[in-house]
Amino acid sequence: MKKILVLALSLVLAPVIAFAGGPPAATQAGIESKDYKWNAQEGEKIEALKLKGSAKEGKEGYEVCGACHLPSGAGRTDGTFPQLAGQHTTVLIKQMADIRAGLRDNPTMYPFAKELTDAQELANVSAYIESLCIPIDHGRYEGADAAKQIADGKTMYEKECIECHKANGEGVKDKFYPVLAGQHYKYLLRQMTEIRDGKRRNANPDMVTIIKKYDNAQLVAISAYQSSLVMPGSMCKAGAAKPAKKK
């Protein structure tokens, strides 16, 4: 409990810390480097991946995360904070480890990600997040042309995205391809734009190659479709606050 209180205080001070000290220095070469290895199996990440995470133990560690991502893991519908619930542990471990190592630039999350004490806590928190059901209410594309955008996005998604992210947006756990179902439209659009424009240093080079040819309007359509995806058996039941899948 003491640790949670310390982390909660850090959350309050986060804006001050961010502006006073600036974002953490990039400590590893990213996608701009010829030596970049998207998913090198080394360091803290591989250690956490080898461990069996305890969702029960991870619940306490997640409490500080809930301030931004909400206790349900739903994130924010405006896309400022992503929906995390139901995400693969592999994806969560990789992204948090990359942020901790200075490979993914996320100055807002860095102060909290770095507070995880070790690889076991990283595995535990990831196991807890994965156990949460995916909220059915999330940020979607709300333009008057939504039907057309979703239809156009579906065509492009099924042409080049479905192989990795699958028909229902379930991704592939052992290949570190993330779950897209239930994710907020604005978050999806921002991430795809940053990946295309080379601003996400830990991006998968294969995805960069695919996404580079899409213009802004096309990314809007693809994001609109992705945010409409649902995963049968993984979504929260209507009216449920924050149920979790049994592990």
Protein backbone atom coordinates (compact mmCIF):
# COMPACT_ATOMS: atom_id res chain seq x y z
CA MET A 1 0.00 0.00 0.00
CA LYS A 2 2.87 2.37 0.77
CA LYS A 3 4.21 1.85 -2.72
CA ILE A 4 0.80 2.67 -4.23
CA LEU A 5 0.62 5.91 -2.25
CA VAL A 6 4.07 6.91 -3.46
CA LEU A 7 3.10 6.17 -7.04
CA ALA A 8 -0.16 8.07 -6.67
CA LEU A 9 1.80 11.10 -5.48
CA SER A 10 4.05 10.68 -8.52
CA LEU A 11 0.94 10.80 -10.71
CA VAL A 12 -0.06 14.15 -9.23
CA LEU A 13 3.44 15.51 -9.78
CA ALA A 14 3.86 14.00 -13.24
CA PRO A 15 3.27 17.22 -15.21
CA VAL A 16 5.79 19.04 -13.01
CA ILE A 17 8.35 16.27 -13.42
CA ALA A 18 7.81 16.12 -17.18
CA PHE A 19 8.34 19.83 -17.71
CA ALA A 20 11.15 20.16 -15.21
CA GLY A 21 13.31 17.32 -16.42
CA GLY A 22 12.00 16.73 -19.91
CA PRO A 23 11.33 13.32 -21.44
CA PRO A 24 13.69 10.45 -20.66
CA ALA A 25 16.70 10.29 -22.92
CA ALA A 26 16.57 7.78 -25.75
CA THR A 27 18.94 5.11 -24.51
CA GLN A 28 18.57 2.66 -27.38
CA ALA A 29 18.70 3.06 -31.14
CA GLY A 30 15.24 2.93 -32.67
CA ILE A 31 13.85 2.25 -36.10
CA GLU A 32 15.92 5.05 -37.60
CA SER A 33 19.08 3.03 -36.93
CA LYS A 34 20.40 0.37 -39.31
CA ASP A 35 21.13 -1.76 -36.23
CA TYR A 36 17.53 -1.67 -34.99
CA LYS A 37 16.04 -5.03 -34.08
CA TRP A 38 12.29 -4.70 -33.59
CA ASN A 39 11.85 -7.53 -31.12
CA ALA A 40 15.26 -8.52 -29.90
CA GLN A 41 14.87 -11.20 -27.24
CA GLU A 42 17.10 -9.73 -24.59
CA GLY A 43 17.24 -7.92 -21.27
CA GLU A 44 14.31 -7.33 -18.95
CA LYS A 45 11.74 -8.11 -21.63
CA ILE A 46 12.83 -11.67 -22.25
CA GLU A 47 13.17 -12.23 -18.50
CA ALA A 48 9.56 -11.11 -17.91
CA LEU A 49 8.28 -13.17 -20.84
CA LYS A 50 9.76 -16.32 -19.31
CA LEU A 51 7.96 -15.76 -16.01
CA LYS A 52 4.41 -16.82 -15.18
CA GLY A 53 2.53 -13.67 -14.30
CA SER A 54 0.01 -13.64 -11.45
CA ALA A 55 -3.12 -11.62 -12.21
CA LYS A 56 -3.93 -11.64 -8.49
CA GLU A 57 -0.58 -10.10 -7.60
CA GLY A 58 -0.72 -7.75 -10.58
CA LYS A 59 -4.00 -6.17 -9.50
CA GLU A 60 -2.28 -4.10 -6.82
CA GLY A 61 0.48 -3.01 -9.16
CA TYR A 62 -2.14 -1.90 -11.69
CA GLU A 63 -3.85 0.50 -9.27
CA VAL A 64 -1.61 3.40 -10.21
CA CYS A 65 -2.18 2.65 -13.90
CA GLY A 66 -5.92 2.93 -13.33
CA ALA A 67 -5.64 6.66 -12.73
CA CYS A 68 -5.11 7.17 -16.46
CA HIS A 69 -6.27 3.90 -18.03
CA LEU A 70 -9.19 3.55 -15.56
CA PRO A 71 -9.74 0.61 -13.20
CA SER A 72 -11.52 -1.25 -16.00
CA GLY A 73 -8.58 -0.77 -18.38
CA ALA A 74 -10.86 1.16 -20.74
CA GLY A 75 -8.58 4.15 -21.20
CA ARG A 76 -10.05 7.42 -22.46
CA THR A 77 -12.46 7.67 -25.37
CA ASP A 78 -10.65 10.77 -26.66
CA GLY A 79 -7.60 8.58 -27.30
CA THR A 80 -5.28 10.30 -24.85
CA PHE A 81 -4.82 6.97 -23.03
CA PRO A 82 -5.33 3.65 -24.82
CA GLN A 83 -7.72 0.88 -23.93
CA LEU A 84 -5.58 -1.84 -22.29
CA ALA A 85 -8.06 -4.48 -21.10
CA GLY A 86 -7.64 -7.86 -22.76
CA GLN A 87 -4.35 -6.95 -24.42
CA HIS A 88 -1.83 -9.78 -24.86
CA THR A 89 0.75 -10.03 -22.08
CA THR A 90 3.48 -10.25 -24.71
CA VAL A 91 2.48 -6.89 -26.17
CA LEU A 92 2.16 -5.25 -22.76
CA ILE A 93 5.52 -6.55 -21.58
CA LYS A 94 7.28 -5.47 -24.77
CA GLN A 95 5.82 -1.97 -24.74
CA MET A 96 6.46 -1.34 -21.04
CA ALA A 97 9.97 -2.75 -21.29
CA ASP A 98 10.66 -0.58 -24.35
CA ILE A 99 9.44 2.52 -22.49
CA ARG A 100 11.54 1.62 -19.45
CA ALA A 101 14.60 1.06 -21.64
CA GLY A 102 14.20 4.32 -23.57
CA LEU A 103 13.30 2.63 -26.85
CA ARG A 104 9.70 3.87 -27.03
CA ASP A 105 9.32 7.57 -26.31
CA ASN A 106 6.43 8.12 -23.91
CA PRO A 107 7.35 10.78 -21.34
CA THR A 108 3.88 10.70 -19.76
CA MET A 109 4.00 7.01 -18.96
CA TYR A 110 7.72 6.69 -18.28
CA PRO A 111 7.61 7.88 -14.63
CA PHE A 112 5.13 5.10 -13.83
CA ALA A 113 6.53 2.34 -16.01
CA LYS A 114 9.94 2.78 -14.42
CA GLU A 115 8.46 2.23 -10.95
CA LEU A 116 7.74 -1.44 -11.63
CA THR A 117 10.29 -3.09 -9.39
CA ASP A 118 11.39 -6.02 -11.53
CA ALA A 119 10.54 -8.44 -14.34
CA GLN A 120 8.13 -10.40 -12.11
CA GLU A 121 6.05 -7.32 -11.35
CA LEU A 122 6.04 -6.48 -15.05
CA ALA A 123 4.71 -9.99 -15.78
CA ASN A 124 2.13 -9.76 -12.98
CA VAL A 125 0.67 -6.40 -14.05
CA SER A 126 0.51 -7.61 -17.65
CA ALA A 127 -1.31 -10.78 -16.58
CA TYR A 128 -3.88 -8.72 -14.68
CA ILE A 129 -4.51 -6.38 -17.61
CA GLU A 130 -4.90 -9.31 -20.00
CA SER A 131 -7.48 -10.87 -17.65
CA LEU A 132 -9.82 -7.86 -17.93
CA CYS A 133 -12.72 -8.05 -20.34
CA ILE A 134 -12.69 -5.60 -23.24
CA PRO A 135 -15.20 -2.75 -22.69
CA ILE A 136 -17.95 -2.54 -25.30
CA ASP A 137 -18.17 1.25 -25.04
CA HIS A 138 -15.15 3.00 -26.49
CA GLY A 139 -14.20 5.86 -28.78
CA ARG A 140 -15.34 5.28 -32.36
CA TYR A 141 -15.36 7.35 -35.52
CA GLU A 142 -18.39 9.62 -35.21
CA GLY A 143 -18.48 11.53 -38.49
CA ALA A 144 -21.66 11.73 -40.57
CA ASP A 145 -19.89 9.55 -43.14
CA ALA A 146 -19.10 6.80 -40.62
CA ALA A 147 -20.70 4.02 -42.67
CA LYS A 148 -18.61 4.88 -45.73
CA GLN A 149 -15.40 5.32 -43.73
CA ILE A 150 -15.87 1.94 -42.05
CA ALA A 151 -16.65 0.25 -45.37
CA ASP A 152 -13.58 1.77 -47.05
CA GLY A 153 -11.44 0.94 -44.04
CA LYS A 154 -12.65 -2.65 -44.07
CA THR A 155 -11.50 -3.08 -47.67
CA MET A 156 -8.01 -1.81 -46.87
CA TYR A 157 -7.82 -3.72 -43.58
CA GLU A 158 -8.72 -7.01 -45.21
CA LYS A 159 -6.15 -6.41 -47.93
CA GLU A 160 -3.09 -5.83 -45.75
CA CYS A 161 -3.85 -5.73 -42.01
CA ILE A 162 -5.85 -8.89 -41.45
CA GLU A 163 -2.89 -11.26 -41.81
CA CYS A 164 -1.32 -9.97 -38.60
CA HIS A 165 -4.23 -8.44 -36.66
CA LYS A 166 -6.80 -11.07 -37.73
CA ALA A 167 -10.47 -10.80 -38.66
CA ASN A 168 -11.77 -9.70 -35.26
CA GLY A 169 -8.76 -7.60 -34.31
CA GLU A 170 -7.48 -10.30 -31.95
CA GLY A 171 -3.84 -10.04 -33.05
CA VAL A 172 -1.34 -12.85 -32.47
CA LYS A 173 0.01 -13.27 -28.96
CA ASP A 174 3.19 -15.21 -29.69
CA LYS A 175 4.15 -12.80 -32.47
CA PHE A 176 3.54 -9.68 -30.36
CA TYR A 177 0.80 -8.42 -32.71
CA PRO A 178 -1.60 -6.40 -30.53
CA VAL A 179 -5.31 -6.76 -29.97
CA LEU A 180 -7.10 -3.95 -31.81
CA ALA A 181 -10.69 -4.82 -30.85
CA GLY A 182 -12.16 -2.27 -28.46
CA GLN A 183 -9.40 0.27 -29.06
CA HIS A 184 -10.26 3.96 -29.36
CA TYR A 185 -10.44 5.44 -32.86
CA LYS A 186 -8.37 8.51 -32.03
CA TYR A 187 -5.64 6.46 -30.39
CA LEU A 188 -5.45 4.10 -33.37
CA LEU A 189 -5.24 7.02 -35.78
CA ARG A 190 -2.51 8.73 -33.78
CA GLN A 191 -0.39 5.61 -33.48
CA MET A 192 -0.67 4.68 -37.15
CA THR A 193 0.20 8.24 -38.17
CA GLU A 194 3.24 8.26 -35.88
CA ILE A 195 4.37 4.86 -37.16
CA ARG A 196 4.01 6.00 -40.76
CA ASP A 197 5.87 9.23 -40.09
CA GLY A 198 8.75 7.56 -38.21
CA LYS A 199 7.86 9.06 -34.82
CA ARG A 200 7.39 5.77 -32.98
CA ARG A 201 10.91 4.48 -32.59
CA ASN A 202 9.99 0.93 -31.54
CA ALA A 203 7.66 0.27 -34.48
CA ASN A 204 7.62 -3.00 -36.37
CA PRO A 205 9.52 -2.37 -39.66
CA ASP A 206 7.10 -4.66 -41.51
CA MET A 207 4.20 -2.44 -40.47
CA VAL A 208 6.10 0.70 -41.40
CA THR A 209 6.62 -0.69 -44.90
CA ILE A 210 2.91 -1.41 -45.28
CA ILE A 211 1.61 1.81 -43.77
CA LYS A 212 3.96 4.27 -45.51
CA LYS A 213 1.85 4.36 -48.67
CA TYR A 214 -1.37 5.40 -46.91
CA ASP A 215 -2.36 9.07 -46.81
CA ASN A 216 -4.18 10.74 -43.92
CA ALA A 217 -7.64 10.11 -45.36
CA GLN A 218 -6.91 6.41 -45.76
CA LEU A 219 -5.62 6.14 -42.20
CA VAL A 220 -8.85 7.72 -40.98
CA ALA A 221 -10.86 5.04 -42.77
CA ILE A 222 -8.70 2.17 -41.52
CA SER A 223 -8.85 3.49 -37.94
CA ALA A 224 -12.62 3.89 -38.20
CA TYR A 225 -12.94 0.24 -39.19
CA GLN A 226 -10.47 -1.03 -36.60
CA SER A 227 -12.35 0.76 -33.82
CA SER A 228 -15.53 -1.06 -34.88
CA LEU A 229 -14.01 -4.53 -34.31
CA VAL A 230 -15.14 -6.81 -31.48
CA MET A 231 -13.75 -10.10 -30.20
CA PRO A 232 -16.43 -12.71 -29.41
CA GLY A 233 -15.92 -14.13 -25.93
CA SER A 234 -13.59 -11.35 -24.80
CA MET A 235 -15.93 -8.37 -24.56
CA CYS A 236 -17.54 -7.21 -21.33
CA LYS A 237 -21.21 -7.98 -20.86
CA ALA A 238 -23.57 -5.04 -21.20
CA GLY A 239 -23.90 -3.24 -17.88
CA ALA A 240 -20.84 -4.92 -16.35
CA ALA A 241 -18.51 -2.48 -14.63
CA LYS A 242 -15.19 -4.29 -14.71
CA PRO A 243 -15.51 -8.07 -14.78
CA ALA A 244 -12.45 -10.14 -15.52
CA LYS A 245 -11.94 -13.32 -17.44
CA LYS A 246 -10.92 -16.23 -15.23
CA LYS A 247 -7.32 -17.42 -15.62
